[in-house]
PDB file of N, CA and C in Angstrom:
ATOM      1  N   MET A   1      -7.175  48.504 144.036  1.00  0.00           N
ATOM      2  CA  MET A   1      -5.768  49.220 144.749  1.00  0.00           C
ATOM      3  C   MET A   1      -4.658  49.026 143.577  1.00  0.00           C
ATOM      4  N   ARG A   2      -4.646  48.252 142.391  1.00  0.00           N
ATOM      5  CA  ARG A   2      -4.129  48.333 141.700  1.00  0.00           C
ATOM      6  C   ARG A   2      -3.472  49.619 140.925  1.00  0.00           C
ATOM      7  N   ASP A   3      -5.576  49.937 140.239  1.00  0.00           N
ATOM      8  CA  ASP A   3      -5.736  50.929 139.304  1.00  0.00           C
ATOM      9  C   ASP A   3      -5.211  52.328 139.788  1.00  0.00           C
ATOM     10  N   LEU A   4      -5.290  52.413 141.288  1.00  0.00           N
ATOM     11  CA  LEU A   4      -5.099  53.593 141.807  1.00  0.00           C
ATOM     12  C   LEU A   4      -3.606  53.517 142.434  1.00  0.00           C
ATOM     13  N   ARG A   5      -2.849  52.415 142.560  1.00  0.00           N
ATOM     14  CA  ARG A   5      -1.459  52.354 142.719  1.00  0.00           C
ATOM     15  C   ARG A   5      -1.570  52.468 144.444  1.00  0.00           C
ATOM     16  N   LEU A   6      -2.505  52.286 144.980  1.00  0.00           N
ATOM     17  CA  LEU A   6      -2.390  52.328 146.550  1.00  0.00           C
ATOM     18  C   LEU A   6      -1.446  51.415 147.317  1.00  0.00           C
ATOM     19  N   VAL A   7      -0.818  51.658 148.221  1.00  0.00           N
ATOM     20  CA  VAL A   7       0.068  50.938 148.875  1.00  0.00           C
ATOM     21  C   VAL A   7      -0.276  50.993 150.498  1.00  0.00           C
ATOM     22  N   PRO A   8      -0.770  49.638 150.751  1.00  0.00           N
ATOM     23  CA  PRO A   8      -1.337  49.703 152.148  1.00  0.00           C
ATOM     24  C   PRO A   8      -0.607  49.994 153.308  1.00  0.00           C
ATOM     25  N   ASP A   9      -1.180  50.903 154.011  1.00  0.00           N
ATOM     26  CA  ASP A   9      -0.286  51.721 155.582  1.00  0.00           C
ATOM     27  C   ASP A   9      -1.132  51.217 156.816  1.00  0.00           C
ATOM     28  N   PRO A  10      -0.387  50.411 157.426  1.00  0.00           N
ATOM     29  CA  PRO A  10      -1.150  49.763 158.548  1.00  0.00           C
ATOM     30  C   PRO A  10      -1.474  50.789 159.620  1.00  0.00           C
ATOM     31  N   HIS A  11      -1.116  52.208 159.460  1.00  0.00           N
ATOM     32  CA  HIS A  11      -1.796  52.862 160.430  1.00  0.00           C
ATOM     33  C   HIS A  11      -2.936  54.311 159.864  1.00  0.00           C
ATOM     34  N   GLY A  12      -3.112  53.763 158.708  1.00  0.00           N
ATOM     35  CA  GLY A  12      -4.488  54.539 158.150  1.00  0.00           C
ATOM     36  C   GLY A  12      -5.345  53.925 157.033  1.00  0.00           C
ATOM     37  N   LYS A  13      -6.036  54.778 156.733  1.00  0.00           N
ATOM     38  CA  LYS A  13      -7.326  54.379 155.801  1.00  0.00           C
ATOM     39  C   LYS A  13      -7.611  55.063 154.421  1.00  0.00           C
ATOM     40  N   VAL A  14      -7.797  54.625 153.574  1.00  0.00           N
ATOM     41  CA  VAL A  14      -8.072  55.238 152.124  1.00  0.00           C
ATOM     42  C   VAL A  14      -9.554  55.593 152.150  1.00  0.00           C
ATOM     43  N   GLU A  15      -9.844  56.854 151.863  1.00  0.00           N
ATOM     44  CA  GLU A  15     -11.328  56.868 151.667  1.00  0.00           C
ATOM     45  C   GLU A  15     -11.180  57.942 150.147  1.00  0.00           C
ATOM     46  N   ILE A  16     -11.932  56.935 149.485  1.00  0.00           N
ATOM     47  CA  ILE A  16     -12.137  57.531 147.884  1.00  0.00           C
ATOM     48  C   ILE A  16     -13.678  58.352 147.909  1.00  0.00           C
ATOM     49  N   VAL A  17     -13.594  59.659 147.422  1.00  0.00           N
ATOM     50  CA  VAL A  17     -14.684  60.284 147.190  1.00  0.00           C
ATOM     51  C   VAL A  17     -14.759  60.807 146.013  1.00  0.00           C
ATOM     52  N   GLU A  18     -16.264  60.937 145.707  1.00  0.00           N
ATOM     53  CA  GLU A  18     -16.368  61.830 144.167  1.00  0.00           C
ATOM     54  C   GLU A  18     -16.102  62.910 144.224  1.00  0.00           C
ATOM     55  N   ILE A  19     -15.872  63.412 142.876  1.00  0.00           N
ATOM     56  CA  ILE A  19     -15.076  64.485 142.529  1.00  0.00           C
ATOM     57  C   ILE A  19     -16.078  65.771 142.822  1.00  0.00           C
ATOM     58  N   PHE A  20     -15.750  66.790 143.675  1.00  0.00           N
ATOM     59  CA  PHE A  20     -16.911  67.961 143.636  1.00  0.00           C
ATOM     60  C   PHE A  20     -16.385  68.984 143.586  1.00  0.00           C
ATOM     61  N   TRP A  21     -15.757  69.048 142.409  1.00  0.00           N
ATOM     62  CA  TRP A  21     -15.285  70.218 141.520  1.00  0.00           C
ATOM     63  C   TRP A  21     -15.269  69.940 140.156  1.00  0.00           C
ATOM     64  N   ASN A  22     -15.764  70.897 139.170  1.00  0.00           N
ATOM     65  CA  ASN A  22     -15.819  70.735 137.848  1.00  0.00           C
ATOM     66  C   ASN A  22     -14.447  70.409 137.269  1.00  0.00           C
ATOM     67  N   PRO A  23     -14.015  69.377 136.834  1.00  0.00           N
ATOM     68  CA  PRO A  23     -12.551  68.929 136.357  1.00  0.00           C
ATOM     69  C   PRO A  23     -12.408  69.788 135.088  1.00  0.00           C
ATOM     70  N   GLY A  24     -13.401  70.639 134.341  1.00  0.00           N
ATOM     71  CA  GLY A  24     -12.883  71.292 133.520  1.00  0.00           C
ATOM     72  C   GLY A  24     -12.396  72.472 133.733  1.00  0.00           C
ATOM     73  N   ASP A  25     -12.735  73.165 134.897  1.00  0.00           N
ATOM     74  CA  ASP A  25     -12.063  74.443 135.244  1.00  0.00           C
ATOM     75  C   ASP A  25     -10.578  74.302 135.660  1.00  0.00           C
ATOM     76  N   TYR A  26      -9.982  73.467 135.563  1.00  0.00           N
ATOM     77  CA  TYR A  26      -8.422  73.010 136.403  1.00  0.00           C
ATOM     78  C   TYR A  26      -7.685  72.423 135.119  1.00  0.00           C
ATOM     79  N   GLN A  27      -8.102  72.604 133.678  1.00  0.00           N
ATOM     80  CA  GLN A  27      -7.487  71.919 132.695  1.00  0.00           C
ATOM     81  C   GLN A  27      -7.444  72.852 131.820  1.00  0.00           C
ATOM     82  N   THR A  28      -5.982  72.845 131.212  1.00  0.00           N
ATOM     83  CA  THR A  28      -5.468  74.114 130.079  1.00  0.00           C
ATOM     84  C   THR A  28      -5.233  72.928 128.818  1.00  0.00           C
ATOM     85  N   GLU A  29      -4.769  73.632 127.867  1.00  0.00           N
ATOM     86  CA  GLU A  29      -4.488  72.844 126.397  1.00  0.00           C
ATOM     87  C   GLU A  29      -3.027  72.018 127.074  1.00  0.00           C
ATOM     88  N   THR A  30      -2.026  72.751 127.722  1.00  0.00           N
ATOM     89  CA  THR A  30      -0.966  72.000 127.887  1.00  0.00           C
ATOM     90  C   THR A  30      -0.854  70.960 129.113  1.00  0.00           C
ATOM     91  N   GLN A  31      -2.205  71.057 129.719  1.00  0.00           N
ATOM     92  CA  GLN A  31      -2.000  70.531 131.231  1.00  0.00           C
ATOM     93  C   GLN A  31      -3.304  69.539 131.308  1.00  0.00           C
ATOM     94  N   GLN A  32      -2.847  68.402 131.583  1.00  0.00           N
ATOM     95  CA  GLN A  32      -4.002  67.120 132.339  1.00  0.00           C
ATOM     96  C   GLN A  32      -4.968  67.965 133.124  1.00  0.00           C
ATOM     97  N   LYS A  33      -6.260  67.125 133.521  1.00  0.00           N
ATOM     98  CA  LYS A  33      -6.783  67.594 134.380  1.00  0.00           C
ATOM     99  C   LYS A  33      -6.149  67.582 135.850  1.00  0.00           C
ATOM    100  N   THR A  34      -6.313  68.564 136.460  1.00  0.00           N
ATOM    101  CA  THR A  34      -6.001  68.697 137.787  1.00  0.00           C
ATOM    102  C   THR A  34      -6.665  68.745 138.937  1.00  0.00           C
ATOM    103  N   VAL A  35      -6.614  68.882 140.285  1.00  0.00           N
ATOM    104  CA  VAL A  35      -7.358  69.428 141.448  1.00  0.00           C
ATOM    105  C   VAL A  35      -7.075  70.806 141.880  1.00  0.00           C
ATOM    106  N   PRO A  36      -8.345  71.139 142.222  1.00  0.00           N
ATOM    107  CA  PRO A  36      -8.368  72.619 142.367  1.00  0.00           C
ATOM    108  C   PRO A  36      -6.802  72.711 143.233  1.00  0.00           C
ATOM    109  N   PRO A  37      -6.197  73.871 142.943  1.00  0.00           N
ATOM    110  CA  PRO A  37      -4.973  74.321 143.931  1.00  0.00           C
ATOM    111  C   PRO A  37      -5.300  74.212 145.412  1.00  0.00           C
ATOM    112  N   LEU A  38      -6.226  74.868 146.061  1.00  0.00           N
ATOM    113  CA  LEU A  38      -6.426  74.615 147.600  1.00  0.00           C
ATOM    114  C   LEU A  38      -6.479  73.316 147.864  1.00  0.00           C
ATOM    115  N   LEU A  39      -6.773  72.608 147.528  1.00  0.00           N
ATOM    116  CA  LEU A  39      -6.763  70.930 147.397  1.00  0.00           C
ATOM    117  C   LEU A  39      -5.539  70.124 147.564  1.00  0.00           C
ATOM    118  N   ALA A  40      -4.535  70.743 146.596  1.00  0.00           N
ATOM    119  CA  ALA A  40      -3.276  70.632 146.261  1.00  0.00           C
ATOM    120  C   ALA A  40      -2.721  71.020 147.433  1.00  0.00           C
ATOM    121  N   TYR A  41      -2.872  72.394 147.727  1.00  0.00           N
ATOM    122  CA  TYR A  41      -2.120  72.752 149.044  1.00  0.00           C
ATOM    123  C   TYR A  41      -2.362  72.012 150.316  1.00  0.00           C
ATOM    124  N   ALA A  42      -3.607  72.267 150.495  1.00  0.00           N
ATOM    125  CA  ALA A  42      -4.006  71.420 151.870  1.00  0.00           C
ATOM    126  C   ALA A  42      -3.020  70.270 152.210  1.00  0.00           C
ATOM    127  N   GLU A  43      -3.142  69.139 150.956  1.00  0.00           N
ATOM    128  CA  GLU A  43      -2.571  67.833 151.145  1.00  0.00           C
ATOM    129  C   GLU A  43      -1.368  67.873 151.091  1.00  0.00           C
ATOM    130  N   LEU A  44      -0.494  69.110 150.606  1.00  0.00           N
ATOM    131  CA  LEU A  44       0.789  69.232 150.555  1.00  0.00           C
ATOM    132  C   LEU A  44       1.644  69.684 151.979  1.00  0.00           C
ATOM    133  N   ILE A  45       0.796  70.845 152.360  1.00  0.00           N
ATOM    134  CA  ILE A  45       1.019  71.379 153.545  1.00  0.00           C
ATOM    135  C   ILE A  45       0.908  70.597 155.081  1.00  0.00           C
ATOM    136  N   ASN A  46      -0.045  69.597 154.810  1.00  0.00           N
ATOM    137  CA  ASN A  46      -0.135  68.441 156.210  1.00  0.00           C
ATOM    138  C   ASN A  46       1.093  67.194 156.237  1.00  0.00           C
ATOM    139  N   SER A  47       2.056  67.588 154.893  1.00  0.00           N
ATOM    140  CA  SER A  47       2.908  66.625 154.862  1.00  0.00           C
ATOM    141  C   SER A  47       4.147  67.137 156.193  1.00  0.00           C
ATOM    142  N   LEU A  48       4.975  66.097 156.567  1.00  0.00           N
ATOM    143  CA  LEU A  48       5.840  66.436 157.122  1.00  0.00           C
ATOM    144  C   LEU A  48       7.304  66.386 156.419  1.00  0.00           C
ATOM    145  N   ASP A  49       7.105  66.025 155.155  1.00  0.00           N
ATOM    146  CA  ASP A  49       8.488  66.215 154.204  1.00  0.00           C
ATOM    147  C   ASP A  49       8.549  67.675 153.944  1.00  0.00           C
ATOM    148  N   SER A  50      10.118  68.464 153.811  1.00  0.00           N
ATOM    149  CA  SER A  50       9.837  69.322 153.712  1.00  0.00           C
ATOM    150  C   SER A  50       9.611  70.126 152.268  1.00  0.00           C
ATOM    151  N   ARG A  51      10.171  68.896 151.359  1.00  0.00           N
ATOM    152  CA  ARG A  51      10.072  69.251 150.206  1.00  0.00           C
ATOM    153  C   ARG A  51       8.360  69.357 149.540  1.00  0.00           C
ATOM    154  N   ASN A  52       7.442  68.902 150.018  1.00  0.00           N
ATOM    155  CA  ASN A  52       6.283  68.846 150.036  1.00  0.00           C
ATOM    156  C   ASN A  52       5.588  70.150 150.487  1.00  0.00           C
ATOM    157  N   ARG A  53       6.207  70.682 151.389  1.00  0.00           N
ATOM    158  CA  ARG A  53       5.532  71.907 152.297  1.00  0.00           C
ATOM    159  C   ARG A  53       6.169  73.129 151.565  1.00  0.00           C
ATOM    160  N   GLU A  54       7.315  72.828 150.892  1.00  0.00           N
ATOM    161  CA  GLU A  54       7.789  74.039 150.018  1.00  0.00           C
ATOM    162  C   GLU A  54       7.014  74.385 148.633  1.00  0.00           C
ATOM    163  N   THR A  55       6.656  73.031 148.080  1.00  0.00           N
ATOM    164  CA  THR A  55       5.515  73.032 147.251  1.00  0.00           C
ATOM    165  C   THR A  55       4.450  73.729 147.604  1.00  0.00           C
ATOM    166  N   ALA A  56       3.791  73.457 148.838  1.00  0.00           N
ATOM    167  CA  ALA A  56       2.484  73.757 148.866  1.00  0.00           C
ATOM    168  C   ALA A  56       2.759  75.427 149.292  1.00  0.00           C
ATOM    169  N   GLN A  57       3.639  75.881 149.413  1.00  0.00           N
ATOM    170  CA  GLN A  57       3.984  77.391 149.588  1.00  0.00           C
ATOM    171  C   GLN A  57       4.432  78.022 148.412  1.00  0.00           C
ATOM    172  N   ARG A  58       4.629  77.450 147.684  1.00  0.00           N
ATOM    173  CA  ARG A  58       4.282  77.726 146.287  1.00  0.00           C
ATOM    174  C   ARG A  58       3.382  78.275 145.640  1.00  0.00           C
ATOM    175  N   ILE A  59       2.626  76.978 145.663  1.00  0.00           N
ATOM    176  CA  ILE A  59       1.005  76.875 145.023  1.00  0.00           C
ATOM    177  C   ILE A  59       0.356  78.013 146.138  1.00  0.00           C
ATOM    178  N   LYS A  60       0.230  78.360 147.448  1.00  0.00           N
ATOM    179  CA  LYS A  60      -0.127  79.563 148.000  1.00  0.00           C
ATOM    180  C   LYS A  60      -0.152  80.602 147.261  1.00  0.00           C
ATOM    181  N   LYS A  61       1.248  80.769 147.019  1.00  0.00           N
ATOM    182  CA  LYS A  61       2.010  82.124 146.477  1.00  0.00           C
ATOM    183  C   LYS A  61       0.904  82.731 145.088  1.00  0.00           C
ATOM    184  N   LYS A  62       1.392  81.004 144.314  1.00  0.00           N
ATOM    185  CA  LYS A  62       0.819  81.550 143.181  1.00  0.00           C
ATOM    186  C   LYS A  62      -0.811  81.882 142.653  1.00  0.00           C
ATOM    187  N   PHE A  63      -1.626  80.876 143.265  1.00  0.00           N
ATOM    188  CA  PHE A  63      -2.819  80.415 143.354  1.00  0.00           C
ATOM    189  C   PHE A  63      -3.601  81.275 144.288  1.00  0.00           C
ATOM    190  N   LEU A  64      -3.203  81.397 145.596  1.00  0.00           N
ATOM    191  CA  LEU A  64      -4.035  81.386 146.826  1.00  0.00           C
ATOM    192  C   LEU A  64      -3.691  82.549 147.326  1.00  0.00           C
ATOM    193  N   ASP A  65      -2.840  83.500 147.004  1.00  0.00           N
ATOM    194  CA  ASP A  65      -2.602  84.932 147.841  1.00  0.00           C
ATOM    195  C   ASP A  65      -3.276  85.846 147.004  1.00  0.00           C
TER     196      ASP A  65
END
């Protein structure tokens, strides 16, 4: 929990899965390894926070449209 900076949530569970994409596909010289844009979009769009949803829309416009 400490390594991943997880905070207990009484209403949810955490599932840790193996990376299912090639991390090198989403890394540039100026950017650290990241997740595929679709994965980031899916996580953010399901948020109730309007700022997260706005960011999801930006990701969609830039990478998924």
